[in-house]
Each structure stands twice: as structure tokens, then as C-alpha cells.
Amino acid sequence: MTTFGPKGLSVPQMAWRAAQDIPDGSYVNLGIGMPELVADHVPTGREIVFHSENGVLGAGPIAGPDEEDEELINAGKKMVTLVPGAALFHHADSFAMIRGGHIDVCVLGAFQVGTNGDLANWSTGGSDAIPAIGGAMDLVAGVKRVVVLTKHVTKTGERKLVETCTYPLTGQSVVSRIYSDLAVIDVTDGGFVAVEILEGLSIEDLASLTGGPLRPAPGIVSLAPPNL
């Protein structure tokens, strides 16, 4: 299989990096796919309460072989664990939490992120695409801070960070920060700003793999997570 761009962080490393920025005491919703792994990398001593829109508050890491319960799943239908004090409730109550502004952070995947923070993460517009936007629409509208966890470039070389999204939007101007396999990038009024960059990768190389204007932050540092 042909791959494009430098070898970036592994998915667990990406999830680890995103987890480091979630403040202690936060209520956090994790999107389906790669974002689910963020729950496995909460820093020691930090309490983060994970919410799942199908009706879980206090979800723990993905269940291991000895912990699996088919009736205890997250929104991605993966079996999860519960932390002490967890609660289970109706789907409608879960969305009331989201729509009421009670969730602090949401970590989502993306097909595209625009320089203005627009997010497209539910459909590519193809004939075989899923038929409805789902809960992501409520999440980007109701959660206080939306961040994205995504590969920087697709397997076929398409840029995922773009000047203007061409796929159907999930929300307009909603993304604050992007954690890719190559960099940590803030979405600002002036476009993409790289605050951390993969060790050994130049800002020029990163810009060539980005579909919209990109500039380095004044204090840009190397992105060097642990081996995971």
C-alpha cells in the first residue's frame, strides 16, 4: 500500500498527547474511533469524567478480556469499564447534558477541518455515505471546547486540514485544536498555528502536507510522546 508523508505518531501516541491537555475535573465526551483511546491515557492523579451519549457518565477505559459486559457499551458499541461513582441513564438525559452545556471537552475525529474551525466528520458526500449526521451535530453545538484527533493526511494523500471544507459540515467554526500524527495545531482567527511539531519534521514539510495556510507559533516545541 502506498503511504504519503513521514511516519508519524502511532494512534496510541496521538491519544496520549490529546489526554495531556484535558484539565483535571473535566467532563469529556469521546467520539467514535481513535478518540475513544483517550480514556486509556489519563495522566496519573488527574480525574476526568468521561461521558458517552448513549447514557454513561463515568466511563473507564475499553474493557479488557476479563471485564467485558455486552450490556455496557459506549457510543461506538465498544465494551467499556466504569469508574467508581459512574451513572447510567436514558439517552434523552444524556443529550440534555450535551445541549445544556454541561460537557467541557469533546474529542472528535475528522474528515476535514477548515482554517476557520469548520468541521466535517460525518460524511464525505459519497453515495455509500451514512445517511444522517448523528450526535456529532449536538456535540459541536453544545460542548464548551471541541478538539480533533486525526491523521494529518489520508492514505491516498488527501489533506485533511484544508482552507475550506468540501465535505458536508458537522459544525461551523467549532474546532479549537487539532492533534494529528505530525503536529499539535491551534485553530485561530488567523488560521492554523503549529504549537508542537513531530521531532525531525520541518515546518516547511508540515506546511506542504497541510491544505491551508499554516504558520509556527513563536514558542513552537518538538512533539515527542513516549513509546506506546
C-alpha atoms as a PDB file:
ATOM      1  CA  MET A   1       0.000   0.000   0.000  1.00  0.00           C
ATOM      2  CA  THR A   2       1.313   3.454  -0.856  1.00  0.00           C
ATOM      3  CA  THR A   3       1.572   5.859   2.064  1.00  0.00           C
ATOM      4  CA  PHE A   4       2.053   9.604   1.995  1.00  0.00           C
ATOM      5  CA  GLY A   5       4.203  11.822   4.193  1.00  0.00           C
ATOM      6  CA  PRO A   6       6.602  10.967   7.017  1.00  0.00           C
ATOM      7  CA  LYS A   7       5.985   8.228   9.545  1.00  0.00           C
ATOM      8  CA  GLY A   8       4.041   9.975  12.263  1.00  0.00           C
ATOM      9  CA  LEU A   9       2.893   9.144  15.762  1.00  0.00           C
ATOM     10  CA  SER A  10       1.042   5.916  16.420  1.00  0.00           C
ATOM     11  CA  VAL A  11      -2.659   6.178  17.272  1.00  0.00           C
ATOM     12  CA  PRO A  12      -1.994   5.468  20.997  1.00  0.00           C
ATOM     13  CA  GLN A  13       0.621   8.242  20.990  1.00  0.00           C
ATOM     14  CA  MET A  14      -1.872  10.634  19.419  1.00  0.00           C
ATOM     15  CA  ALA A  15      -4.470   9.716  22.046  1.00  0.00           C
ATOM     16  CA  TRP A  16      -1.868  10.145  24.803  1.00  0.00           C
ATOM     17  CA  ARG A  17      -0.994  13.626  23.584  1.00  0.00           C
ATOM     18  CA  ALA A  18      -4.628  14.729  23.492  1.00  0.00           C
ATOM     19  CA  ALA A  19      -5.203  13.377  27.003  1.00  0.00           C
ATOM     20  CA  GLN A  20      -2.398  15.526  28.436  1.00  0.00           C
ATOM     21  CA  ASP A  21      -4.301  18.737  27.712  1.00  0.00           C
ATOM     22  CA  ILE A  22      -7.608  17.820  29.345  1.00  0.00           C
ATOM     23  CA  PRO A  23      -7.905  19.731  32.630  1.00  0.00           C
ATOM     24  CA  ASP A  24      -8.448  17.969  35.937  1.00  0.00           C
ATOM     25  CA  GLY A  25     -12.132  17.708  36.834  1.00  0.00           C
ATOM     26  CA  SER A  26     -13.375  17.944  33.248  1.00  0.00           C
ATOM     27  CA  TYR A  27     -16.456  16.218  31.862  1.00  0.00           C
ATOM     28  CA  VAL A  28     -15.408  14.847  28.494  1.00  0.00           C
ATOM     29  CA  ASN A  29     -17.141  13.185  25.547  1.00  0.00           C
ATOM     30  CA  LEU A  30     -15.061  10.979  23.233  1.00  0.00           C
ATOM     31  CA  GLY A  31     -16.036  10.468  19.602  1.00  0.00           C
ATOM     32  CA  ILE A  32     -16.155   7.091  17.875  1.00  0.00           C
ATOM     33  CA  GLY A  33     -12.868   5.609  16.676  1.00  0.00           C
ATOM     34  CA  MET A  34      -9.449   6.958  17.620  1.00  0.00           C
ATOM     35  CA  PRO A  35     -10.796   9.423  20.214  1.00  0.00           C
ATOM     36  CA  GLU A  36     -12.074   6.507  22.325  1.00  0.00           C
ATOM     37  CA  LEU A  37      -8.461   5.667  23.181  1.00  0.00           C
ATOM     38  CA  VAL A  38      -8.000   8.955  25.038  1.00  0.00           C
ATOM     39  CA  ALA A  39      -9.613   7.324  28.090  1.00  0.00           C
ATOM     40  CA  ASP A  40      -6.660   4.916  28.286  1.00  0.00           C
ATOM     41  CA  HIS A  41      -4.129   7.727  28.762  1.00  0.00           C
ATOM     42  CA  VAL A  42      -5.422   9.953  31.555  1.00  0.00           C
ATOM     43  CA  PRO A  43      -2.403  11.330  33.444  1.00  0.00           C
ATOM     44  CA  THR A  44      -1.859   9.877  36.912  1.00  0.00           C
ATOM     45  CA  GLY A  45      -3.587  11.870  39.615  1.00  0.00           C
ATOM     46  CA  ARG A  46      -5.981  13.624  37.226  1.00  0.00           C
ATOM     47  CA  GLU A  47      -9.725  12.997  37.488  1.00  0.00           C
ATOM     48  CA  ILE A  48     -11.573  13.171  34.179  1.00  0.00           C
ATOM     49  CA  VAL A  49     -15.204  12.057  33.923  1.00  0.00           C
ATOM     50  CA  PHE A  50     -15.963  10.526  30.532  1.00  0.00           C
ATOM     51  CA  HIS A  51     -19.444  10.887  29.072  1.00  0.00           C
ATOM     52  CA  SER A  52     -20.990   8.754  26.331  1.00  0.00           C
ATOM     53  CA  GLU A  53     -24.114   9.987  24.568  1.00  0.00           C
ATOM     54  CA  ASN A  54     -25.829   6.608  24.785  1.00  0.00           C
ATOM     55  CA  GLY A  55     -26.183   7.174  28.538  1.00  0.00           C
ATOM     56  CA  VAL A  56     -22.957   6.765  30.520  1.00  0.00           C
ATOM     57  CA  LEU A  57     -21.221   9.217  32.843  1.00  0.00           C
ATOM     58  CA  GLY A  58     -18.042   7.848  34.366  1.00  0.00           C
ATOM     59  CA  ALA A  59     -16.929   5.508  31.592  1.00  0.00           C
ATOM     60  CA  GLY A  60     -13.494   3.998  32.095  1.00  0.00           C
ATOM     61  CA  PRO A  61     -11.038   2.533  29.580  1.00  0.00           C
ATOM     62  CA  ILE A  62     -12.066  -0.013  26.945  1.00  0.00           C
ATOM     63  CA  ALA A  63     -12.840  -3.308  28.686  1.00  0.00           C
ATOM     64  CA  GLY A  64     -10.181  -5.987  28.773  1.00  0.00           C
ATOM     65  CA  PRO A  65     -10.930  -9.714  28.208  1.00  0.00           C
ATOM     66  CA  ASP A  66     -11.862 -10.225  31.874  1.00  0.00           C
ATOM     67  CA  GLU A  67     -14.016  -7.097  32.093  1.00  0.00           C
ATOM     68  CA  GLU A  68     -16.286  -7.348  29.063  1.00  0.00           C
ATOM     69  CA  ASP A  69     -20.026  -6.862  29.529  1.00  0.00           C
ATOM     70  CA  GLU A  70     -22.114  -6.781  26.347  1.00  0.00           C
ATOM     71  CA  GLU A  71     -24.693  -4.548  28.041  1.00  0.00           C
ATOM     72  CA  LEU A  72     -22.110  -1.919  28.940  1.00  0.00           C
ATOM     73  CA  ILE A  73     -21.000  -0.154  25.755  1.00  0.00           C
ATOM     74  CA  ASN A  74     -20.053   3.305  24.590  1.00  0.00           C
ATOM     75  CA  ALA A  75     -21.457   5.198  21.602  1.00  0.00           C
ATOM     76  CA  GLY A  76     -19.090   3.288  19.302  1.00  0.00           C
ATOM     77  CA  LYS A  77     -20.571  -0.019  20.558  1.00  0.00           C
ATOM     78  CA  LYS A  78     -17.298  -0.975  22.243  1.00  0.00           C
ATOM     79  CA  MET A  79     -17.490  -2.600  25.666  1.00  0.00           C
ATOM     80  CA  VAL A  80     -16.157  -0.272  28.351  1.00  0.00           C
ATOM     81  CA  THR A  81     -15.493  -0.239  32.077  1.00  0.00           C
ATOM     82  CA  LEU A  82     -16.974   2.045  34.724  1.00  0.00           C
ATOM     83  CA  VAL A  83     -15.163   4.087  37.354  1.00  0.00           C
ATOM     84  CA  PRO A  84     -16.430   4.348  40.963  1.00  0.00           C
ATOM     85  CA  GLY A  85     -19.430   6.665  41.103  1.00  0.00           C
ATOM     86  CA  ALA A  86     -20.419   6.133  37.455  1.00  0.00           C
ATOM     87  CA  ALA A  87     -24.044   6.594  36.401  1.00  0.00           C
ATOM     88  CA  LEU A  88     -26.207   5.093  33.662  1.00  0.00           C
ATOM     89  CA  PHE A  89     -29.259   6.931  32.339  1.00  0.00           C
ATOM     90  CA  HIS A  90     -31.642   7.497  29.451  1.00  0.00           C
ATOM     91  CA  HIS A  91     -30.402   8.599  26.037  1.00  0.00           C
ATOM     92  CA  ALA A  92     -32.544  11.752  26.263  1.00  0.00           C
ATOM     93  CA  ASP A  93     -30.958  12.748  29.584  1.00  0.00           C
ATOM     94  CA  SER A  94     -27.534  12.281  28.029  1.00  0.00           C
ATOM     95  CA  PHE A  95     -28.343  14.704  25.219  1.00  0.00           C
ATOM     96  CA  ALA A  96     -29.786  17.162  27.731  1.00  0.00           C
ATOM     97  CA  MET A  97     -26.327  17.238  29.311  1.00  0.00           C
ATOM     98  CA  ILE A  98     -24.767  17.970  25.913  1.00  0.00           C
ATOM     99  CA  ARG A  99     -27.314  20.551  24.789  1.00  0.00           C
ATOM    100  CA  GLY A 100     -27.317  22.203  28.211  1.00  0.00           C
ATOM    101  CA  GLY A 101     -23.608  22.997  28.021  1.00  0.00           C
ATOM    102  CA  HIS A 102     -22.580  20.632  30.818  1.00  0.00           C
ATOM    103  CA  ILE A 103     -19.775  18.850  28.896  1.00  0.00           C
ATOM    104  CA  ASP A 104     -16.427  20.635  28.992  1.00  0.00           C
ATOM    105  CA  VAL A 105     -14.471  18.964  26.190  1.00  0.00           C
ATOM    106  CA  CYS A 106     -15.289  16.794  23.204  1.00  0.00           C
ATOM    107  CA  VAL A 107     -12.626  14.879  21.261  1.00  0.00           C
ATOM    108  CA  LEU A 108     -13.779  14.036  17.723  1.00  0.00           C
ATOM    109  CA  GLY A 109     -12.361  12.529  14.568  1.00  0.00           C
ATOM    110  CA  ALA A 110     -12.472  14.380  11.258  1.00  0.00           C
ATOM    111  CA  PHE A 111     -12.600  14.005   7.501  1.00  0.00           C
ATOM    112  CA  GLN A 112     -11.681  17.691   7.151  1.00  0.00           C
ATOM    113  CA  VAL A 113     -11.007  20.708   9.352  1.00  0.00           C
ATOM    114  CA  GLY A 114     -11.066  24.188   7.812  1.00  0.00           C
ATOM    115  CA  THR A 115      -8.745  27.052   8.711  1.00  0.00           C
ATOM    116  CA  ASN A 116     -11.728  28.807  10.309  1.00  0.00           C
ATOM    117  CA  GLY A 117     -12.509  25.810  12.557  1.00  0.00           C
ATOM    118  CA  ASP A 118     -15.246  24.297  10.394  1.00  0.00           C
ATOM    119  CA  LEU A 119     -15.570  20.545  10.976  1.00  0.00           C
ATOM    120  CA  ALA A 120     -16.654  17.840   8.526  1.00  0.00           C
ATOM    121  CA  ASN A 121     -16.664  14.471  10.261  1.00  0.00           C
ATOM    122  CA  TRP A 122     -19.833  12.592   9.389  1.00  0.00           C
ATOM    123  CA  SER A 123     -19.943  12.177   5.610  1.00  0.00           C
ATOM    124  CA  THR A 124     -17.801  12.526   2.517  1.00  0.00           C
ATOM    125  CA  GLY A 125     -20.944  13.095   0.480  1.00  0.00           C
ATOM    126  CA  GLY A 126     -20.457   9.817  -1.404  1.00  0.00           C
ATOM    127  CA  SER A 127     -23.324   7.570  -2.460  1.00  0.00           C
ATOM    128  CA  ASP A 128     -22.278   4.997   0.151  1.00  0.00           C
ATOM    129  CA  ALA A 129     -22.039   7.522   2.996  1.00  0.00           C
ATOM    130  CA  ILE A 130     -24.002   7.103   6.213  1.00  0.00           C
ATOM    131  CA  PRO A 131     -27.468   8.669   5.888  1.00  0.00           C
ATOM    132  CA  ALA A 132     -27.551  11.004   8.920  1.00  0.00           C
ATOM    133  CA  ILE A 133     -25.288  13.264  10.929  1.00  0.00           C
ATOM    134  CA  GLY A 134     -25.988  11.649  14.313  1.00  0.00           C
ATOM    135  CA  GLY A 135     -24.948  13.038  17.699  1.00  0.00           C
ATOM    136  CA  ALA A 136     -21.905  14.940  16.445  1.00  0.00           C
ATOM    137  CA  MET A 137     -24.160  17.851  15.475  1.00  0.00           C
ATOM    138  CA  ASP A 138     -25.295  18.238  19.094  1.00  0.00           C
ATOM    139  CA  LEU A 139     -21.786  17.786  20.450  1.00  0.00           C
ATOM    140  CA  VAL A 140     -20.192  20.563  18.407  1.00  0.00           C
ATOM    141  CA  ALA A 141     -23.072  22.896  19.248  1.00  0.00           C
ATOM    142  CA  GLY A 142     -23.300  22.191  22.973  1.00  0.00           C
ATOM    143  CA  VAL A 143     -19.824  21.290  24.266  1.00  0.00           C
ATOM    144  CA  LYS A 144     -17.615  24.082  25.585  1.00  0.00           C
ATOM    145  CA  ARG A 145     -14.420  23.055  23.732  1.00  0.00           C
ATOM    146  CA  VAL A 146     -14.128  20.836  20.649  1.00  0.00           C
ATOM    147  CA  VAL A 147     -10.777  19.301  19.680  1.00  0.00           C
ATOM    148  CA  VAL A 148      -9.963  16.921  16.849  1.00  0.00           C
ATOM    149  CA  LEU A 149      -7.826  13.777  16.772  1.00  0.00           C
ATOM    150  CA  THR A 150      -6.948  12.822  13.188  1.00  0.00           C
ATOM    151  CA  LYS A 151      -4.244  11.652  10.834  1.00  0.00           C
ATOM    152  CA  HIS A 152      -2.765  14.658   9.037  1.00  0.00           C
ATOM    153  CA  VAL A 153      -3.133  13.137   5.564  1.00  0.00           C
ATOM    154  CA  THR A 154      -5.298  10.280   4.263  1.00  0.00           C
ATOM    155  CA  LYS A 155      -3.816   7.017   2.966  1.00  0.00           C
ATOM    156  CA  THR A 156      -4.351   8.307  -0.566  1.00  0.00           C
ATOM    157  CA  GLY A 157      -2.619  11.632   0.061  1.00  0.00           C
ATOM    158  CA  GLU A 158      -5.618  13.907   0.597  1.00  0.00           C
ATOM    159  CA  ARG A 159      -5.044  16.778   3.022  1.00  0.00           C
ATOM    160  CA  LYS A 160      -7.396  16.702   5.991  1.00  0.00           C
ATOM    161  CA  LEU A 161      -6.523  20.183   7.211  1.00  0.00           C
ATOM    162  CA  VAL A 162      -7.841  22.446   4.476  1.00  0.00           C
ATOM    163  CA  GLU A 163      -8.532  26.078   3.717  1.00  0.00           C
ATOM    164  CA  THR A 164     -12.231  25.392   3.110  1.00  0.00           C
ATOM    165  CA  CYS A 165     -14.091  22.142   3.827  1.00  0.00           C
ATOM    166  CA  THR A 166     -15.596  20.474   0.770  1.00  0.00           C
ATOM    167  CA  TYR A 167     -17.444  17.732   2.653  1.00  0.00           C
ATOM    168  CA  PRO A 168     -20.810  18.263   4.411  1.00  0.00           C
ATOM    169  CA  LEU A 169     -20.247  20.230   7.612  1.00  0.00           C
ATOM    170  CA  THR A 170     -20.867  18.994  11.124  1.00  0.00           C
ATOM    171  CA  GLY A 171     -20.452  22.485  12.556  1.00  0.00           C
ATOM    172  CA  GLN A 172     -19.125  25.909  11.646  1.00  0.00           C
ATOM    173  CA  SER A 173     -16.114  27.453  13.430  1.00  0.00           C
ATOM    174  CA  VAL A 174     -16.211  24.907  16.240  1.00  0.00           C
ATOM    175  CA  VAL A 175     -12.714  23.347  16.402  1.00  0.00           C
ATOM    176  CA  SER A 176     -10.161  24.845  18.796  1.00  0.00           C
ATOM    177  CA  ARG A 177      -7.206  22.472  18.467  1.00  0.00           C
ATOM    178  CA  ILE A 178      -6.099  19.569  16.244  1.00  0.00           C
ATOM    179  CA  TYR A 179      -3.960  16.632  17.393  1.00  0.00           C
ATOM    180  CA  SER A 180      -2.545  14.921  14.322  1.00  0.00           C
ATOM    181  CA  ASP A 181       0.150  12.303  13.883  1.00  0.00           C
ATOM    182  CA  LEU A 182       2.538  15.107  12.842  1.00  0.00           C
ATOM    183  CA  ALA A 183       1.708  18.112  14.990  1.00  0.00           C
ATOM    184  CA  VAL A 184      -0.461  19.878  17.534  1.00  0.00           C
ATOM    185  CA  ILE A 185      -2.176  22.752  15.761  1.00  0.00           C
ATOM    186  CA  ASP A 186      -4.341  25.545  17.126  1.00  0.00           C
ATOM    187  CA  VAL A 187      -7.171  26.955  15.038  1.00  0.00           C
ATOM    188  CA  THR A 188      -7.029  30.736  15.382  1.00  0.00           C
ATOM    189  CA  ASP A 189      -8.641  33.763  13.768  1.00  0.00           C
ATOM    190  CA  GLY A 190      -5.555  33.841  11.556  1.00  0.00           C
ATOM    191  CA  GLY A 191      -5.715  30.176  10.531  1.00  0.00           C
ATOM    192  CA  PHE A 192      -3.654  27.136  11.508  1.00  0.00           C
ATOM    193  CA  VAL A 193      -0.842  27.680  14.022  1.00  0.00           C
ATOM    194  CA  ALA A 194       1.529  24.794  14.818  1.00  0.00           C
ATOM    195  CA  VAL A 195       2.398  24.749  18.523  1.00  0.00           C
ATOM    196  CA  GLU A 196       4.160  21.359  18.505  1.00  0.00           C
ATOM    197  CA  ILE A 197       5.743  19.538  15.571  1.00  0.00           C
ATOM    198  CA  LEU A 198       6.991  15.984  15.168  1.00  0.00           C
ATOM    199  CA  GLU A 199      10.660  15.717  16.081  1.00  0.00           C
ATOM    200  CA  GLY A 200      12.749  15.831  12.894  1.00  0.00           C
ATOM    201  CA  LEU A 201       9.999  17.356  10.746  1.00  0.00           C
ATOM    202  CA  SER A 202      10.443  20.909   9.437  1.00  0.00           C
ATOM    203  CA  ILE A 203       7.672  23.478   9.444  1.00  0.00           C
ATOM    204  CA  GLU A 204       8.046  23.656   5.651  1.00  0.00           C
ATOM    205  CA  ASP A 205       7.405  19.908   5.352  1.00  0.00           C
ATOM    206  CA  LEU A 206       4.402  20.187   7.634  1.00  0.00           C
ATOM    207  CA  ALA A 207       3.027  23.078   5.587  1.00  0.00           C
ATOM    208  CA  SER A 208       3.386  21.028   2.387  1.00  0.00           C
ATOM    209  CA  LEU A 209       1.131  18.358   3.922  1.00  0.00           C
ATOM    210  CA  THR A 210      -1.449  20.899   5.064  1.00  0.00           C
ATOM    211  CA  GLY A 211      -4.176  22.093   2.712  1.00  0.00           C
ATOM    212  CA  GLY A 212      -4.479  25.584   4.188  1.00  0.00           C
ATOM    213  CA  PRO A 213      -2.124  28.324   5.369  1.00  0.00           C
ATOM    214  CA  LEU A 214      -0.007  27.254   8.341  1.00  0.00           C
ATOM    215  CA  ARG A 215       2.461  29.162  10.471  1.00  0.00           C
ATOM    216  CA  PRO A 216       4.532  28.201  13.521  1.00  0.00           C
ATOM    217  CA  ALA A 217       3.745  29.544  16.968  1.00  0.00           C
ATOM    218  CA  PRO A 218       6.508  31.790  18.398  1.00  0.00           C
ATOM    219  CA  GLY A 219       7.295  29.163  21.033  1.00  0.00           C
ATOM    220  CA  ILE A 220       6.844  26.035  18.898  1.00  0.00           C
ATOM    221  CA  VAL A 221       8.337  22.899  20.500  1.00  0.00           C
ATOM    222  CA  SER A 222       9.035  19.312  19.450  1.00  0.00           C
ATOM    223  CA  LEU A 223       6.267  16.721  19.682  1.00  0.00           C
ATOM    224  CA  ALA A 224       7.921  13.724  21.331  1.00  0.00           C
ATOM    225  CA  PRO A 225       5.492  11.406  23.183  1.00  0.00           C
ATOM    226  CA  PRO A 226       6.530   8.183  24.968  1.00  0.00           C
ATOM    227  CA  ASN A 227       6.803   4.880  23.109  1.00  0.00           C
ATOM    228  CA  LEU A 228       3.311   3.352  23.081  1.00  0.00           C
END
